């Protein structure tokens, strides 16, 4: 994985044209990278070439239908999906076919992510999935429509009562009371 990261980093420093097939490869590499800091090196070229909306929609797909490992990886990668686009020399091979790399995505994808992540946190007992979702999960009722407020309360209660010390500490840091 280190060699792939290094090679990609070097390629991104000069003109890099990415094929449409490379999109899923880059996102999958980011999702499967065990290091939550270095997965950025796979995600950032995809963001710049294919756009935030497409990258986030793909991560949402992993959160909805991936394995537990992929769900956790998607949550770790989501953090980096808000990066500003700073690689102007990294482009899609056929931008018309993939769509322009827009700096922002439709707010709907973000709202879908948060609702799906909230539901996943509450329903999935896998510790790593919960650990990876929680830091990026808004835990204020005001962040969600009224029909999800009970789920927000359930997520907070689950984290507060969980035997895992990280989850208990993290929820208090996020809700602050």
Protein backbone atom coordinates (compact mmCIF):
# COMPACT_ATOMS: atom_id res chain seq x y z
CA UNK A 1 0.00 0.00 0.00
CA UNK A 2 2.90 2.37 0.79
CA UNK A 3 4.37 1.96 -2.70
CA UNK A 4 1.03 2.66 -4.32
CA UNK A 5 0.59 5.80 -2.21
CA UNK A 6 4.09 7.02 -3.07
CA UNK A 7 3.66 6.38 -6.80
CA UNK A 8 0.30 8.13 -6.84
CA UNK A 9 1.69 11.08 -4.90
CA UNK A 10 4.50 11.51 -7.42
CA UNK A 11 2.11 11.20 -10.36
CA UNK A 12 -0.19 13.85 -8.90
CA UNK A 13 2.66 16.36 -8.81
CA UNK A 14 2.68 16.46 -12.60
CA UNK A 15 -0.13 16.30 -15.12
CA UNK A 16 -2.20 13.22 -14.38
CA UNK A 17 -5.10 12.17 -16.54
CA UNK A 18 -7.31 9.57 -14.86
CA UNK A 19 -9.50 7.16 -16.80
CA UNK A 20 -13.08 6.62 -15.72
CA UNK A 21 -12.05 3.10 -14.64
CA UNK A 22 -9.56 4.55 -12.15
CA UNK A 23 -12.35 6.22 -10.18
CA UNK A 24 -13.58 3.09 -8.44
CA UNK A 25 -10.01 1.85 -7.95
CA UNK A 26 -9.05 5.05 -6.11
CA UNK A 27 -12.17 5.11 -3.94
CA UNK A 28 -11.80 1.40 -3.12
CA UNK A 29 -8.14 1.96 -2.18
CA UNK A 30 -9.16 4.81 0.14
CA UNK A 31 -11.89 2.68 1.73
CA UNK A 32 -9.59 -0.31 2.21
CA UNK A 33 -6.53 1.65 3.39
CA UNK A 34 -6.09 0.85 7.09
CA UNK A 35 -4.50 4.22 7.86
CA UNK A 36 -7.11 6.98 8.35
CA UNK A 37 -4.51 9.62 7.55
CA UNK A 38 -2.99 8.13 4.43
CA UNK A 39 -6.27 7.10 2.79
CA UNK A 40 -6.43 10.76 1.80
CA UNK A 41 -3.72 10.11 -0.79
CA UNK A 42 -6.14 7.92 -2.75
CA UNK A 43 -9.22 10.07 -2.21
CA UNK A 44 -7.77 13.46 -3.12
CA UNK A 45 -6.97 12.62 -6.78
CA UNK A 46 -10.47 11.16 -7.19
CA UNK A 47 -12.02 14.33 -5.75
CA UNK A 48 -10.04 16.53 -8.12
CA UNK A 49 -10.64 14.47 -11.25
CA UNK A 50 -14.21 13.28 -10.73
CA UNK A 51 -15.77 15.69 -8.24
CA UNK A 52 -16.94 15.68 -4.67
CA UNK A 53 -20.49 14.58 -5.47
CA UNK A 54 -19.40 11.43 -7.27
CA UNK A 55 -16.83 10.53 -4.60
CA UNK A 56 -19.30 11.08 -1.78
CA UNK A 57 -22.01 9.09 -3.56
CA UNK A 58 -19.56 6.19 -3.90
CA UNK A 59 -18.63 6.38 -0.20
CA UNK A 60 -22.33 6.41 0.65
CA UNK A 61 -22.71 3.22 -1.38
CA UNK A 62 -20.01 1.55 0.71
CA UNK A 63 -21.69 2.69 3.93
CA UNK A 64 -25.03 1.29 2.79
CA UNK A 65 -23.97 -2.01 1.24
CA UNK A 66 -20.35 -2.72 2.09
CA UNK A 67 -18.88 -5.19 4.51
CA UNK A 68 -18.25 -3.96 8.05
CA UNK A 69 -14.61 -3.30 7.07
CA UNK A 70 -15.80 -1.24 4.08
CA UNK A 71 -18.36 0.64 6.15
CA UNK A 72 -15.66 1.62 8.63
CA UNK A 73 -13.30 2.53 5.78
CA UNK A 74 -15.96 4.66 4.09
CA UNK A 75 -16.50 6.57 7.34
CA UNK A 76 -12.76 7.20 7.64
CA UNK A 77 -12.56 8.32 4.00
CA UNK A 78 -15.64 10.57 4.32
CA UNK A 79 -13.59 12.87 6.54
CA UNK A 80 -11.29 13.68 3.63
CA UNK A 81 -14.11 14.12 1.12
CA UNK A 82 -14.52 17.75 2.24
CA UNK A 83 -11.00 18.71 1.15
CA UNK A 84 -10.66 21.73 -1.12
CA UNK A 85 -9.74 20.81 -4.67
CA UNK A 86 -6.02 21.63 -4.81
CA UNK A 87 -4.73 19.44 -7.62
CA UNK A 88 -5.53 21.31 -10.84
CA UNK A 89 -3.22 19.04 -12.86
CA UNK A 90 -5.21 15.93 -11.91
CA UNK A 91 -8.09 15.57 -14.34
CA UNK A 92 -10.49 13.02 -15.73
CA UNK A 93 -9.65 11.62 -19.15
CA UNK A 94 -13.09 12.44 -20.56
CA UNK A 95 -14.62 15.12 -18.30
CA UNK A 96 -17.81 15.23 -20.37
CA UNK A 97 -18.40 11.52 -19.69
CA UNK A 98 -17.69 11.72 -15.96
CA UNK A 99 -19.02 15.19 -15.31
CA UNK A 100 -17.00 18.17 -14.14
CA UNK A 101 -15.11 18.04 -10.87
CA UNK A 102 -17.33 20.45 -8.98
CA UNK A 103 -15.99 21.98 -5.75
CA UNK A 104 -19.26 21.27 -3.93
CA UNK A 105 -21.85 18.54 -4.11
CA UNK A 106 -25.56 18.66 -3.76
CA UNK A 107 -26.53 18.99 -0.09
CA UNK A 108 -28.68 15.90 -0.54
CA UNK A 109 -25.69 13.54 -0.58
CA UNK A 110 -24.42 14.94 2.70
CA UNK A 111 -27.85 14.67 4.33
CA UNK A 112 -28.18 11.09 3.05
CA UNK A 113 -24.74 10.28 4.46
CA UNK A 114 -25.61 11.58 7.93
CA UNK A 115 -28.94 9.79 8.05
CA UNK A 116 -27.39 6.53 6.82
CA UNK A 117 -24.46 6.87 9.24
CA UNK A 118 -26.84 7.52 12.13
CA UNK A 119 -28.91 4.45 11.26
CA UNK A 120 -25.77 2.36 10.80
CA UNK A 121 -24.34 3.46 14.15
CA UNK A 122 -27.53 2.48 15.94
CA UNK A 123 -28.15 -0.82 14.13
CA UNK A 124 -24.64 -2.17 13.54
CA UNK A 125 -22.94 -3.51 16.66
CA UNK A 126 -19.53 -3.92 14.99
CA UNK A 127 -17.13 -1.95 17.19
CA UNK A 128 -14.87 -0.62 14.43
CA UNK A 129 -17.87 0.56 12.40
CA UNK A 130 -19.18 2.46 15.42
CA UNK A 131 -15.73 3.85 16.26
CA UNK A 132 -15.25 5.14 12.71
CA UNK A 133 -18.73 6.59 12.27
CA UNK A 134 -19.04 8.39 15.61
CA UNK A 135 -16.41 11.16 15.16
CA UNK A 136 -18.10 12.47 12.02
CA UNK A 137 -21.67 12.03 13.19
CA UNK A 138 -23.58 15.14 14.27
CA UNK A 139 -25.30 14.28 17.54
CA UNK A 140 -27.55 17.31 17.81
CA UNK A 141 -31.24 16.79 17.15
CA UNK A 142 -31.23 20.06 15.19
CA UNK A 143 -28.96 18.45 12.58
CA UNK A 144 -31.74 16.05 11.55
CA UNK A 145 -35.41 16.16 10.61
CA UNK A 146 -37.86 15.53 13.50
CA UNK A 147 -38.51 11.92 12.43
CA UNK A 148 -34.84 11.09 13.22
CA UNK A 149 -34.66 12.72 16.67
CA UNK A 150 -35.39 9.44 18.47
CA UNK A 151 -32.53 7.84 16.52
CA UNK A 152 -30.17 10.64 17.61
CA UNK A 153 -31.18 10.00 21.23
CA UNK A 154 -30.63 6.27 20.72
CA UNK A 155 -27.14 6.85 19.26
CA UNK A 156 -26.15 9.02 22.22
CA UNK A 157 -27.53 6.46 24.69
CA UNK A 158 -25.73 3.58 22.93
CA UNK A 159 -22.41 5.41 22.97
CA UNK A 160 -22.77 6.52 26.60
CA UNK A 161 -23.58 3.01 27.80
CA UNK A 162 -21.14 1.17 25.55
CA UNK A 163 -18.39 -0.91 27.18
CA UNK A 164 -15.83 0.67 24.81
CA UNK A 165 -14.05 3.55 26.51
CA UNK A 166 -13.38 5.40 23.25
CA UNK A 167 -17.09 5.53 22.35
CA UNK A 168 -18.01 6.73 25.85
CA UNK A 169 -15.33 9.44 25.78
CA UNK A 170 -16.08 10.50 22.20
CA UNK A 171 -19.82 10.95 22.72
CA UNK A 172 -19.23 13.21 25.72
CA UNK A 173 -16.78 15.25 23.68
CA UNK A 174 -19.38 15.63 20.93
CA UNK A 175 -22.50 16.35 22.97
CA UNK A 176 -20.69 18.19 25.74
CA UNK A 177 -23.01 17.52 28.64
